[in-house]
C-alpha atoms as a PDB file:
ATOM      1  CA  MET A   1      89.702-165.865-130.822  1.00  0.00           C
ATOM      2  CA  VAL A   2      91.938-163.517-133.048  1.00  0.00           C
ATOM      3  CA  PRO A   3      90.097-160.337-133.999  1.00  0.00           C
ATOM      4  CA  GLY A   4      89.095-159.846-137.434  1.00  0.00           C
ATOM      5  CA  ASN A   5      89.240-156.058-139.475  1.00  0.00           C
ATOM      6  CA  LYS A   6      85.892-154.838-139.521  1.00  0.00           C
ATOM      7  CA  THR A   7      86.890-152.616-142.651  1.00  0.00           C
ATOM      8  CA  GLN A   8      87.190-156.584-144.249  1.00  0.00           C
ATOM      9  CA  ILE A   9      83.588-157.612-143.643  1.00  0.00           C
ATOM     10  CA  SER A  10      81.009-156.924-146.437  1.00  0.00           C
ATOM     11  CA  GLU A  11      78.440-158.947-145.336  1.00  0.00           C
ATOM     12  CA  PHE A  12      76.454-160.678-143.249  1.00  0.00           C
ATOM     13  CA  ILE A  13      74.279-164.059-143.646  1.00  0.00           C
ATOM     14  CA  LEU A  14      70.753-164.629-142.743  1.00  0.00           C
ATOM     15  CA  LEU A  15      69.939-168.018-141.857  1.00  0.00           C
ATOM     16  CA  GLY A  16      65.895-167.451-142.291  1.00  0.00           C
ATOM     17  CA  PHE A  17      63.498-169.393-140.986  1.00  0.00           C
ATOM     18  CA  SER A  18      63.814-173.086-142.664  1.00  0.00           C
ATOM     19  CA  GLU A  19      66.378-174.105-144.591  1.00  0.00           C
ATOM     20  CA  GLU A  20      64.350-176.884-146.457  1.00  0.00           C
ATOM     21  CA  PRO A  21      63.769-175.797-150.654  1.00  0.00           C
ATOM     22  CA  ALA A  22      60.300-177.020-150.129  1.00  0.00           C
ATOM     23  CA  LEU A  23      58.947-174.270-147.699  1.00  0.00           C
ATOM     24  CA  GLN A  24      60.490-171.186-149.041  1.00  0.00           C
ATOM     25  CA  PRO A  25      57.306-171.060-151.604  1.00  0.00           C
ATOM     26  CA  LEU A  26      55.417-171.564-148.706  1.00  0.00           C
ATOM     27  CA  LEU A  27      57.113-169.342-146.427  1.00  0.00           C
ATOM     28  CA  PHE A  28      57.256-166.254-149.364  1.00  0.00           C
ATOM     29  CA  GLY A  29      52.924-166.520-149.544  1.00  0.00           C
ATOM     30  CA  LEU A  30      52.581-166.574-146.227  1.00  0.00           C
ATOM     31  CA  PHE A  31      55.282-163.413-145.629  1.00  0.00           C
ATOM     32  CA  LEU A  32      53.994-161.571-148.374  1.00  0.00           C
ATOM     33  CA  SER A  33      49.928-162.043-147.411  1.00  0.00           C
ATOM     34  CA  LEU A  34      50.899-160.574-144.155  1.00  0.00           C
ATOM     35  CA  TYR A  35      52.866-157.909-145.801  1.00  0.00           C
ATOM     36  CA  LEU A  36      50.440-156.799-148.091  1.00  0.00           C
ATOM     37  CA  ILE A  37      47.279-156.843-145.369  1.00  0.00           C
ATOM     38  CA  THR A  38      49.792-155.166-143.117  1.00  0.00           C
ATOM     39  CA  VAL A  39      50.141-152.116-145.573  1.00  0.00           C
ATOM     40  CA  VAL A  40      46.496-152.018-146.556  1.00  0.00           C
ATOM     41  CA  GLY A  41      44.900-152.071-143.656  1.00  0.00           C
ATOM     42  CA  ASN A  42      47.027-149.779-142.080  1.00  0.00           C
ATOM     43  CA  LEU A  43      46.999-147.617-144.887  1.00  0.00           C
ATOM     44  CA  LEU A  44      43.247-147.541-144.728  1.00  0.00           C
ATOM     45  CA  ILE A  45      42.889-146.227-141.561  1.00  0.00           C
ATOM     46  CA  ILE A  46      45.218-143.033-141.970  1.00  0.00           C
ATOM     47  CA  LEU A  47      43.519-142.124-145.049  1.00  0.00           C
ATOM     48  CA  ALA A  48      40.268-142.901-142.859  1.00  0.00           C
ATOM     49  CA  VAL A  49      40.899-140.944-140.395  1.00  0.00           C
ATOM     50  CA  ILE A  50      41.865-138.101-142.612  1.00  0.00           C
ATOM     51  CA  SER A  51      39.150-138.153-144.480  1.00  0.00           C
ATOM     52  CA  ASP A  52      36.146-138.307-141.673  1.00  0.00           C
ATOM     53  CA  SER A  53      36.368-134.827-139.518  1.00  0.00           C
ATOM     54  CA  HIS A  54      34.649-136.828-136.712  1.00  0.00           C
ATOM     55  CA  VAL A  55      37.555-138.684-136.284  1.00  0.00           C
ATOM     56  CA  HIS A  56      39.764-135.526-135.965  1.00  0.00           C
ATOM     57  CA  THR A  57      40.184-136.662-132.288  1.00  0.00           C
ATOM     58  CA  PRO A  58      43.444-137.290-130.050  1.00  0.00           C
ATOM     59  CA  MET A  59      42.838-140.913-130.169  1.00  0.00           C
ATOM     60  CA  TYR A  60      42.517-141.139-133.306  1.00  0.00           C
ATOM     61  CA  PHE A  61      45.481-138.936-133.619  1.00  0.00           C
ATOM     62  CA  PHE A  62      47.608-141.340-132.451  1.00  0.00           C
ATOM     63  CA  LEU A  63      46.482-144.112-133.891  1.00  0.00           C
ATOM     64  CA  SER A  64      47.204-142.825-137.107  1.00  0.00           C
ATOM     65  CA  ASN A  65      50.517-142.383-136.185  1.00  0.00           C
ATOM     66  CA  LEU A  66      50.496-145.863-134.808  1.00  0.00           C
ATOM     67  CA  SER A  67      49.383-147.366-138.132  1.00  0.00           C
ATOM     68  CA  PHE A  68      51.924-144.617-139.753  1.00  0.00           C
ATOM     69  CA  VAL A  69      54.780-146.343-137.490  1.00  0.00           C
ATOM     70  CA  ASP A  70      53.650-150.200-137.942  1.00  0.00           C
ATOM     71  CA  ILE A  71      53.757-150.172-142.545  1.00  0.00           C
ATOM     72  CA  CYS A  72      57.441-148.787-141.215  1.00  0.00           C
ATOM     73  CA  PHE A  73      58.149-151.744-139.368  1.00  0.00           C
ATOM     74  CA  ILE A  74      57.286-154.553-141.240  1.00  0.00           C
ATOM     75  CA  SER A  75      58.614-152.695-143.907  1.00  0.00           C
ATOM     76  CA  THR A  76      62.360-152.670-142.185  1.00  0.00           C
ATOM     77  CA  THR A  77      62.351-156.462-142.282  1.00  0.00           C
ATOM     78  CA  ILE A  78      59.935-158.730-144.253  1.00  0.00           C
ATOM     79  CA  PRO A  79      60.841-157.065-148.078  1.00  0.00           C
ATOM     80  CA  LYS A  80      64.279-158.341-147.454  1.00  0.00           C
ATOM     81  CA  MET A  81      63.245-161.337-146.109  1.00  0.00           C
ATOM     82  CA  LEU A  82      60.906-161.981-149.265  1.00  0.00           C
ATOM     83  CA  VAL A  83      63.684-160.730-151.838  1.00  0.00           C
ATOM     84  CA  ASN A  84      66.098-163.326-150.455  1.00  0.00           C
ATOM     85  CA  ILE A  85      63.522-166.359-150.910  1.00  0.00           C
ATOM     86  CA  GLN A  86      62.878-165.021-153.646  1.00  0.00           C
ATOM     87  CA  THR A  87      66.624-164.663-155.180  1.00  0.00           C
ATOM     88  CA  GLN A  88      67.371-168.040-153.136  1.00  0.00           C
ATOM     89  CA  SER A  89      70.365-165.630-151.329  1.00  0.00           C
ATOM     90  CA  LYS A  90      70.890-165.098-147.729  1.00  0.00           C
ATOM     91  CA  VAL A  91      73.553-162.038-148.053  1.00  0.00           C
ATOM     92  CA  ILE A  92      72.829-158.497-146.458  1.00  0.00           C
ATOM     93  CA  SER A  93      75.642-156.128-147.036  1.00  0.00           C
ATOM     94  CA  TYR A  94      77.614-154.973-144.109  1.00  0.00           C
ATOM     95  CA  GLU A  95      75.362-151.552-144.578  1.00  0.00           C
ATOM     96  CA  ASP A  96      72.363-152.431-145.300  1.00  0.00           C
ATOM     97  CA  CYS A  97      72.544-154.923-141.753  1.00  0.00           C
ATOM     98  CA  PHE A  98      73.228-151.573-139.739  1.00  0.00           C
ATOM     99  CA  THR A  99      70.814-149.692-141.908  1.00  0.00           C
ATOM    100  CA  GLN A 100      68.248-152.402-140.719  1.00  0.00           C
ATOM    101  CA  ILE A 101      69.447-152.363-137.052  1.00  0.00           C
ATOM    102  CA  TYR A 102      69.057-148.613-136.674  1.00  0.00           C
ATOM    103  CA  PHE A 103      65.172-148.805-138.170  1.00  0.00           C
ATOM    104  CA  PHE A 104      64.052-151.591-136.771  1.00  0.00           C
ATOM    105  CA  LEU A 105      65.034-149.627-133.651  1.00  0.00           C
ATOM    106  CA  LEU A 106      63.652-146.700-133.895  1.00  0.00           C
ATOM    107  CA  PHE A 107      60.452-148.239-135.104  1.00  0.00           C
ATOM    108  CA  VAL A 108      59.946-151.090-132.317  1.00  0.00           C
ATOM    109  CA  GLN A 109      60.722-147.642-129.756  1.00  0.00           C
ATOM    110  CA  LEU A 110      57.987-145.704-131.661  1.00  0.00           C
ATOM    111  CA  ASP A 111      55.548-148.428-131.502  1.00  0.00           C
ATOM    112  CA  ASP A 112      56.350-148.888-127.506  1.00  0.00           C
ATOM    113  CA  PHE A 113      55.928-144.825-126.619  1.00  0.00           C
ATOM    114  CA  LEU A 114      52.820-144.408-128.768  1.00  0.00           C
ATOM    115  CA  LEU A 115      50.798-147.384-127.216  1.00  0.00           C
ATOM    116  CA  THR A 116      52.351-145.361-123.949  1.00  0.00           C
ATOM    117  CA  VAL A 117      50.716-142.373-125.464  1.00  0.00           C
ATOM    118  CA  MET A 118      47.450-143.595-126.415  1.00  0.00           C
ATOM    119  CA  SER A 119      47.384-145.318-122.851  1.00  0.00           C
ATOM    120  CA  TYR A 120      47.328-141.861-120.590  1.00  0.00           C
ATOM    121  CA  ASP A 121      45.072-140.407-123.953  1.00  0.00           C
ATOM    122  CA  ARG A 122      42.769-143.296-122.159  1.00  0.00           C
ATOM    123  CA  TYR A 123      43.425-142.614-119.290  1.00  0.00           C
ATOM    124  CA  VAL A 124      42.980-138.796-119.139  1.00  0.00           C
ATOM    125  CA  ALA A 125      38.955-139.586-121.157  1.00  0.00           C
ATOM    126  CA  ILE A 126      37.817-142.205-118.294  1.00  0.00           C
ATOM    127  CA  CYS A 127      39.573-140.744-114.752  1.00  0.00           C
ATOM    128  CA  HIS A 128      39.353-136.724-116.053  1.00  0.00           C
ATOM    129  CA  PRO A 129      36.273-136.569-119.035  1.00  0.00           C
ATOM    130  CA  LEU A 130      35.234-132.964-118.305  1.00  0.00           C
ATOM    131  CA  HIS A 131      38.888-131.526-118.705  1.00  0.00           C
ATOM    132  CA  TYR A 132      39.754-134.298-121.853  1.00  0.00           C
ATOM    133  CA  THR A 133      39.971-131.745-124.534  1.00  0.00           C
ATOM    134  CA  VAL A 134      41.466-128.665-122.442  1.00  0.00           C
ATOM    135  CA  ILE A 135      44.232-131.581-121.180  1.00  0.00           C
ATOM    136  CA  MET A 136      44.872-133.457-124.952  1.00  0.00           C
ATOM    137  CA  ASN A 137      44.673-130.139-126.965  1.00  0.00           C
ATOM    138  CA  ALA A 138      46.731-130.684-130.707  1.00  0.00           C
ATOM    139  CA  ARG A 139      49.665-128.483-128.925  1.00  0.00           C
ATOM    140  CA  LEU A 140      50.224-131.525-126.745  1.00  0.00           C
ATOM    141  CA  CYS A 141      48.844-134.696-128.795  1.00  0.00           C
ATOM    142  CA  ALA A 142      51.849-133.290-131.469  1.00  0.00           C
ATOM    143  CA  LEU A 143      54.683-132.698-128.552  1.00  0.00           C
ATOM    144  CA  LEU A 144      54.143-136.237-127.847  1.00  0.00           C
ATOM    145  CA  VAL A 145      54.475-137.637-130.758  1.00  0.00           C
ATOM    146  CA  LEU A 146      57.562-135.570-131.436  1.00  0.00           C
ATOM    147  CA  VAL A 147      59.574-135.801-128.685  1.00  0.00           C
ATOM    148  CA  SER A 148      58.714-139.729-129.370  1.00  0.00           C
ATOM    149  CA  TRP A 149      60.278-139.675-132.638  1.00  0.00           C
ATOM    150  CA  MET A 150      63.637-137.756-131.291  1.00  0.00           C
ATOM    151  CA  ILE A 151      64.256-140.135-128.218  1.00  0.00           C
ATOM    152  CA  GLY A 152      63.416-142.867-130.679  1.00  0.00           C
ATOM    153  CA  ALA A 153      65.663-141.797-132.894  1.00  0.00           C
ATOM    154  CA  LEU A 154      68.838-140.553-130.935  1.00  0.00           C
ATOM    155  CA  ASN A 155      68.636-144.284-128.467  1.00  0.00           C
ATOM    156  CA  SER A 156      68.347-145.686-132.031  1.00  0.00           C
ATOM    157  CA  LEU A 157      71.629-143.604-133.713  1.00  0.00           C
ATOM    158  CA  LEU A 158      73.656-144.463-130.529  1.00  0.00           C
ATOM    159  CA  GLN A 159      72.736-148.246-130.406  1.00  0.00           C
ATOM    160  CA  THR A 160      73.902-148.436-133.841  1.00  0.00           C
ATOM    161  CA  LEU A 161      77.214-146.207-133.444  1.00  0.00           C
ATOM    162  CA  LEU A 162      78.277-148.471-130.844  1.00  0.00           C
ATOM    163  CA  ALA A 163      77.735-151.366-132.637  1.00  0.00           C
ATOM    164  CA  LEU A 164      79.545-149.973-135.973  1.00  0.00           C
ATOM    165  CA  SER A 165      82.783-149.957-133.433  1.00  0.00           C
ATOM    166  CA  LEU A 166      82.706-153.516-133.025  1.00  0.00           C
ATOM    167  CA  SER A 167      85.319-155.680-134.578  1.00  0.00           C
ATOM    168  CA  PHE A 168      83.581-159.345-136.592  1.00  0.00           C
ATOM    169  CA  CYS A 169      85.212-162.516-137.008  1.00  0.00           C
ATOM    170  CA  THR A 170      84.802-165.245-139.859  1.00  0.00           C
ATOM    171  CA  VAL A 171      81.197-166.225-138.117  1.00  0.00           C
ATOM    172  CA  LEU A 172      79.000-164.198-140.222  1.00  0.00           C
ATOM    173  CA  GLU A 173      75.455-166.204-139.585  1.00  0.00           C
ATOM    174  CA  ILE A 174      72.647-164.649-138.433  1.00  0.00           C
ATOM    175  CA  PRO A 175      70.047-167.185-137.065  1.00  0.00           C
ATOM    176  CA  HIS A 176      66.820-164.908-137.604  1.00  0.00           C
ATOM    177  CA  PHE A 177      65.705-163.619-140.571  1.00  0.00           C
ATOM    178  CA  PHE A 178      66.570-159.971-139.804  1.00  0.00           C
ATOM    179  CA  CYS A 179      69.245-158.246-138.649  1.00  0.00           C
ATOM    180  CA  GLU A 180      68.114-158.244-134.848  1.00  0.00           C
ATOM    181  CA  PHE A 181      70.644-156.523-133.156  1.00  0.00           C
ATOM    182  CA  GLU A 182      71.220-158.100-129.907  1.00  0.00           C
ATOM    183  CA  GLU A 183      72.028-161.030-132.360  1.00  0.00           C
ATOM    184  CA  VAL A 184      74.234-159.064-134.342  1.00  0.00           C
ATOM    185  CA  ILE A 185      76.539-158.133-131.627  1.00  0.00           C
ATOM    186  CA  GLN A 186      76.692-161.811-130.409  1.00  0.00           C
ATOM    187  CA  LEU A 187      78.979-162.266-133.216  1.00  0.00           C
ATOM    188  CA  ALA A 188      81.299-159.703-132.524  1.00  0.00           C
ATOM    189  CA  CYS A 189      85.081-160.783-131.476  1.00  0.00           C
ATOM    190  CA  SER A 190      85.602-157.743-129.785  1.00  0.00           C
ATOM    191  CA  ASP A 191      84.809-156.632-126.997  1.00  0.00           C
ATOM    192  CA  ALA A 192      80.850-156.367-127.048  1.00  0.00           C
ATOM    193  CA  SER A 193      80.328-155.463-122.862  1.00  0.00           C
ATOM    194  CA  LEU A 194      79.112-152.028-123.033  1.00  0.00           C
ATOM    195  CA  ASN A 195      76.553-152.758-126.293  1.00  0.00           C
ATOM    196  CA  LYS A 196      75.042-155.357-123.760  1.00  0.00           C
ATOM    197  CA  THR A 197      75.017-152.763-120.883  1.00  0.00           C
ATOM    198  CA  MET A 198      73.393-150.234-122.972  1.00  0.00           C
ATOM    199  CA  MET A 199      71.441-152.149-124.814  1.00  0.00           C
ATOM    200  CA  TYR A 200      69.129-153.911-121.759  1.00  0.00           C
ATOM    201  CA  PHE A 201      69.774-150.267-120.596  1.00  0.00           C
ATOM    202  CA  ALA A 202      68.070-148.814-123.319  1.00  0.00           C
ATOM    203  CA  VAL A 203      65.194-151.617-122.519  1.00  0.00           C
ATOM    204  CA  GLY A 204      65.116-151.264-119.385  1.00  0.00           C
ATOM    205  CA  LEU A 205      64.355-147.705-119.476  1.00  0.00           C
ATOM    206  CA  LEU A 206      62.614-147.079-123.036  1.00  0.00           C
ATOM    207  CA  GLY A 207      60.918-150.215-122.551  1.00  0.00           C
ATOM    208  CA  GLY A 208      60.076-151.061-118.833  1.00  0.00           C
ATOM    209  CA  GLY A 209      59.367-147.263-118.342  1.00  0.00           C
ATOM    210  CA  PRO A 210      57.068-146.875-120.926  1.00  0.00           C
ATOM    211  CA  PHE A 211      55.702-150.772-119.500  1.00  0.00           C
ATOM    212  CA  ALA A 212      54.985-148.694-116.514  1.00  0.00           C
ATOM    213  CA  GLY A 213      53.200-145.684-117.391  1.00  0.00           C
ATOM    214  CA  ILE A 214      50.238-148.291-119.138  1.00  0.00           C
ATOM    215  CA  CYS A 215      50.222-149.995-116.067  1.00  0.00           C
ATOM    216  CA  TYR A 216      50.245-147.407-114.255  1.00  0.00           C
ATOM    217  CA  SER A 217      47.021-145.872-116.268  1.00  0.00           C
ATOM    218  CA  TYR A 218      45.103-148.845-116.438  1.00  0.00           C
ATOM    219  CA  SER A 219      45.326-149.241-112.464  1.00  0.00           C
ATOM    220  CA  ARG A 220      43.560-146.119-112.163  1.00  0.00           C
ATOM    221  CA  ILE A 221      41.119-146.703-115.187  1.00  0.00           C
ATOM    222  CA  VAL A 222      40.096-149.474-113.662  1.00  0.00           C
ATOM    223  CA  SER A 223      39.793-147.921-110.662  1.00  0.00           C
ATOM    224  CA  SER A 224      37.686-145.570-112.268  1.00  0.00           C
ATOM    225  CA  ILE A 225      35.496-147.888-113.643  1.00  0.00           C
ATOM    226  CA  HIS A 226      35.063-149.657-110.453  1.00  0.00           C
ATOM    227  CA  ARG A 227      33.458-146.402-109.006  1.00  0.00           C
ATOM    228  CA  ILE A 228      30.640-146.165-111.928  1.00  0.00           C
ATOM    229  CA  SER A 229      27.294-147.562-110.466  1.00  0.00           C
ATOM    230  CA  SER A 230      25.562-149.181-113.605  1.00  0.00           C
ATOM    231  CA  ALA A 231      27.000-151.809-115.446  1.00  0.00           C
ATOM    232  CA  HIS A 232      26.101-150.363-118.966  1.00  0.00           C
ATOM    233  CA  GLY A 233      28.789-147.131-118.024  1.00  0.00           C
ATOM    234  CA  LYS A 234      31.018-149.628-117.079  1.00  0.00           C
ATOM    235  CA  TYR A 235      31.087-151.725-120.179  1.00  0.00           C
ATOM    236  CA  LYS A 236      30.688-148.528-122.104  1.00  0.00           C
ATOM    237  CA  ALA A 237      34.142-147.548-120.343  1.00  0.00           C
ATOM    238  CA  PHE A 238      35.992-150.469-120.659  1.00  0.00           C
ATOM    239  CA  SER A 239      34.841-150.712-124.181  1.00  0.00           C
ATOM    240  CA  THR A 240      36.986-147.984-125.543  1.00  0.00           C
ATOM    241  CA  CYS A 241      39.829-149.356-123.850  1.00  0.00           C
ATOM    242  CA  ALA A 242      40.090-153.156-124.962  1.00  0.00           C
ATOM    243  CA  SER A 243      41.236-152.736-128.120  1.00  0.00           C
ATOM    244  CA  HIS A 244      44.404-150.588-127.087  1.00  0.00           C
ATOM    245  CA  LEU A 245      44.848-153.008-124.340  1.00  0.00           C
ATOM    246  CA  SER A 246      44.747-156.407-126.699  1.00  0.00           C
ATOM    247  CA  VAL A 247      47.711-154.784-128.733  1.00  0.00           C
ATOM    248  CA  VAL A 248      49.413-153.628-125.394  1.00  0.00           C
ATOM    249  CA  SER A 249      49.508-157.241-124.069  1.00  0.00           C
ATOM    250  CA  LEU A 250      50.173-159.419-127.468  1.00  0.00           C
ATOM    251  CA  PHE A 251      53.307-156.698-127.960  1.00  0.00           C
ATOM    252  CA  TYR A 252      54.831-156.320-124.980  1.00  0.00           C
ATOM    253  CA  CYS A 253      54.509-160.464-123.811  1.00  0.00           C
ATOM    254  CA  THR A 254      55.958-161.015-126.666  1.00  0.00           C
ATOM    255  CA  ALA A 255      58.508-158.120-127.127  1.00  0.00           C
ATOM    256  CA  LEU A 256      59.741-158.050-123.523  1.00  0.00           C
ATOM    257  CA  GLY A 257      59.874-161.947-123.232  1.00  0.00           C
ATOM    258  CA  VAL A 258      62.463-162.116-126.122  1.00  0.00           C
ATOM    259  CA  TYR A 259      65.105-159.565-124.008  1.00  0.00           C
ATOM    260  CA  PHE A 260      64.702-160.668-120.928  1.00  0.00           C
ATOM    261  CA  THR A 261      64.123-164.871-120.761  1.00  0.00           C
ATOM    262  CA  PRO A 262      67.504-166.155-119.796  1.00  0.00           C
ATOM    263  CA  ALA A 263      70.109-166.722-122.264  1.00  0.00           C
ATOM    264  CA  VAL A 264      69.879-170.665-120.776  1.00  0.00           C
ATOM    265  CA  THR A 265      66.208-171.060-122.181  1.00  0.00           C
ATOM    266  CA  HIS A 266      67.174-168.975-125.598  1.00  0.00           C
ATOM    267  CA  ASN A 267      67.506-171.094-128.625  1.00  0.00           C
ATOM    268  CA  SER A 268      67.226-169.765-132.203  1.00  0.00           C
ATOM    269  CA  HIS A 269      64.145-170.744-132.914  1.00  0.00           C
ATOM    270  CA  SER A 270      62.164-169.706-130.068  1.00  0.00           C
ATOM    271  CA  THR A 271      63.744-166.408-130.407  1.00  0.00           C
ATOM    272  CA  VAL A 272      62.920-165.795-134.201  1.00  0.00           C
ATOM    273  CA  THR A 273      58.924-167.175-133.207  1.00  0.00           C
ATOM    274  CA  ALA A 274      58.431-164.338-130.360  1.00  0.00           C
ATOM    275  CA  SER A 275      60.120-162.116-132.892  1.00  0.00           C
ATOM    276  CA  VAL A 276      57.474-162.787-135.511  1.00  0.00           C
ATOM    277  CA  MET A 277      55.174-162.203-133.318  1.00  0.00           C
ATOM    278  CA  TYR A 278      55.778-158.222-132.283  1.00  0.00           C
ATOM    279  CA  THR A 279      57.313-157.823-135.721  1.00  0.00           C
ATOM    280  CA  VAL A 280      54.852-159.487-137.883  1.00  0.00           C
ATOM    281  CA  VAL A 281      51.617-160.500-136.122  1.00  0.00           C
ATOM    282  CA  THR A 282      50.667-157.083-133.845  1.00  0.00           C
ATOM    283  CA  PRO A 283      51.152-155.258-137.392  1.00  0.00           C
ATOM    284  CA  VAL A 284      49.200-157.347-138.847  1.00  0.00           C
ATOM    285  CA  LEU A 285      46.296-157.662-136.375  1.00  0.00           C
ATOM    286  CA  ASN A 286      46.179-153.645-135.130  1.00  0.00           C
ATOM    287  CA  PRO A 287      43.974-152.386-138.288  1.00  0.00           C
ATOM    288  CA  PHE A 288      41.592-155.401-137.195  1.00  0.00           C
ATOM    289  CA  ILE A 289      41.650-154.629-133.486  1.00  0.00           C
ATOM    290  CA  TYR A 290      41.036-151.565-133.973  1.00  0.00           C
ATOM    291  CA  SER A 291      38.445-151.513-136.768  1.00  0.00           C
ATOM    292  CA  LEU A 292      36.191-154.666-135.650  1.00  0.00           C
ATOM    293  CA  ARG A 293      35.012-153.429-132.517  1.00  0.00           C
ATOM    294  CA  ASN A 294      35.159-149.560-133.417  1.00  0.00           C
ATOM    295  CA  LYS A 295      32.389-147.995-134.579  1.00  0.00           C
ATOM    296  CA  ASP A 296      33.858-144.398-135.801  1.00  0.00           C
ATOM    297  CA  ILE A 297      36.720-146.322-137.508  1.00  0.00           C
ATOM    298  CA  LYS A 298      33.952-148.104-139.388  1.00  0.00           C
ATOM    299  CA  ARG A 299      31.957-145.292-140.273  1.00  0.00           C
ATOM    300  CA  ALA A 300      35.176-143.326-141.436  1.00  0.00           C
ATOM    301  CA  LEU A 301      36.056-146.280-143.576  1.00  0.00           C
ATOM    302  CA  ARG A 302      32.136-146.776-145.354  1.00  0.00           C
ATOM    303  CA  LYS A 303      32.480-142.606-145.502  1.00  0.00           C
ATOM    304  CA  PHE A 304      35.765-143.169-147.235  1.00  0.00           C
ATOM    305  CA  PHE A 305      34.519-145.958-149.839  1.00  0.00           C
ATOM    306  CA  ARG A 306      31.429-143.681-150.432  1.00  0.00           C
ATOM    307  CA  MET A 307      33.875-140.941-151.340  1.00  0.00           C
ATOM    308  CA  ALA A 308      36.150-143.353-153.303  1.00  0.00           C
ATOM    309  CA  THR A 309      33.171-144.763-155.195  1.00  0.00           C
ATOM    310  CA  ILE A 310      32.080-141.368-156.234  1.00  0.00           C
ATOM    311  CA  LEU A 311      35.358-139.533-156.811  1.00  0.00           C
ATOM    312  CA  GLU A 312      36.633-142.555-159.580  1.00  0.00           C
ATOM    313  CA  PRO A 313      34.261-142.262-161.819  1.00  0.00           C
ATOM    314  CA  ILE A 314      35.010-138.046-162.563  1.00  0.00           C
ATOM    315  CA  VAL A 315      38.992-139.452-162.465  1.00  0.00           C
ATOM    316  CA  LEU A 316      38.288-141.695-165.190  1.00  0.00           C
ATOM    317  CA  ARG A 317      36.349-139.025-167.315  1.00  0.00           C
ATOM    318  CA  ARG A 318      39.275-136.553-167.147  1.00  0.00           C
ATOM    319  CA  LYS A 319      41.998-139.514-168.034  1.00  0.00           C
ATOM    320  CA  LYS A 320      39.195-139.580-171.375  1.00  0.00           C
ATOM    321  CA  CYS A 321      39.730-135.947-172.124  1.00  0.00           C
END
């Protein structure tokens, strides 16, 4: 294949889920609903944590950061897909595609890092309860989040700049609902071996490394829980980890499955379905998983709604004046 001039490339085509016209309104309604649920649910968690001083703890500090990242994560892909469905267009510009790649990589890595930090928080809380407040101090919590953002931003920038150096030819159809990084570099007609090597290295290091850290944290947690004599104590200790473990399982089983499944077994439908699980379903479920069985979040939400109810008539009276 003869390389094309990459400066002539102005757009890509996102094939999405289906080309059936009858399915487009259904897809639009479904993903719009999921997007709104994600934004509202995660925003409520952030507001609840901010408004209630009882949940100003490391665990909920990380949870509010995870909720913010999930809002940004789903906002990177779904709004563009909804616009394309509404306008009956599958086009995304060259610049928008690589911007989407950068932010997608950034937020998926932040999700990964924050889940790892949260597992470390649970490890310290269960295995070293007497030293928890000393170890998980405000400075360390802020530093862990800052380092997560820095590593994510630098790796995303590196991967995106490498992809920008590729030349693309005439076949510019992406069998996905967003500019998925691996799918885009497979369209290149110039040598993409360095890009693929760096991609798998980053997935192994920045995906596999944190996953190993989570596994180690939970191995120590299980060992500590096993040494607790009472059944009630075991249940109480495990219940503090159940929500986080559910989210970790959902995120890693789908995300790592997309990148580590052999290419022979890949097809566009299975890849898109797996991507939906960790790009859409996980952010949607996070607020429910962390709030339905969490008494602290439930109490914080009730307090927030009470405050909103009290403040609403005051705001309305001021507007009338």
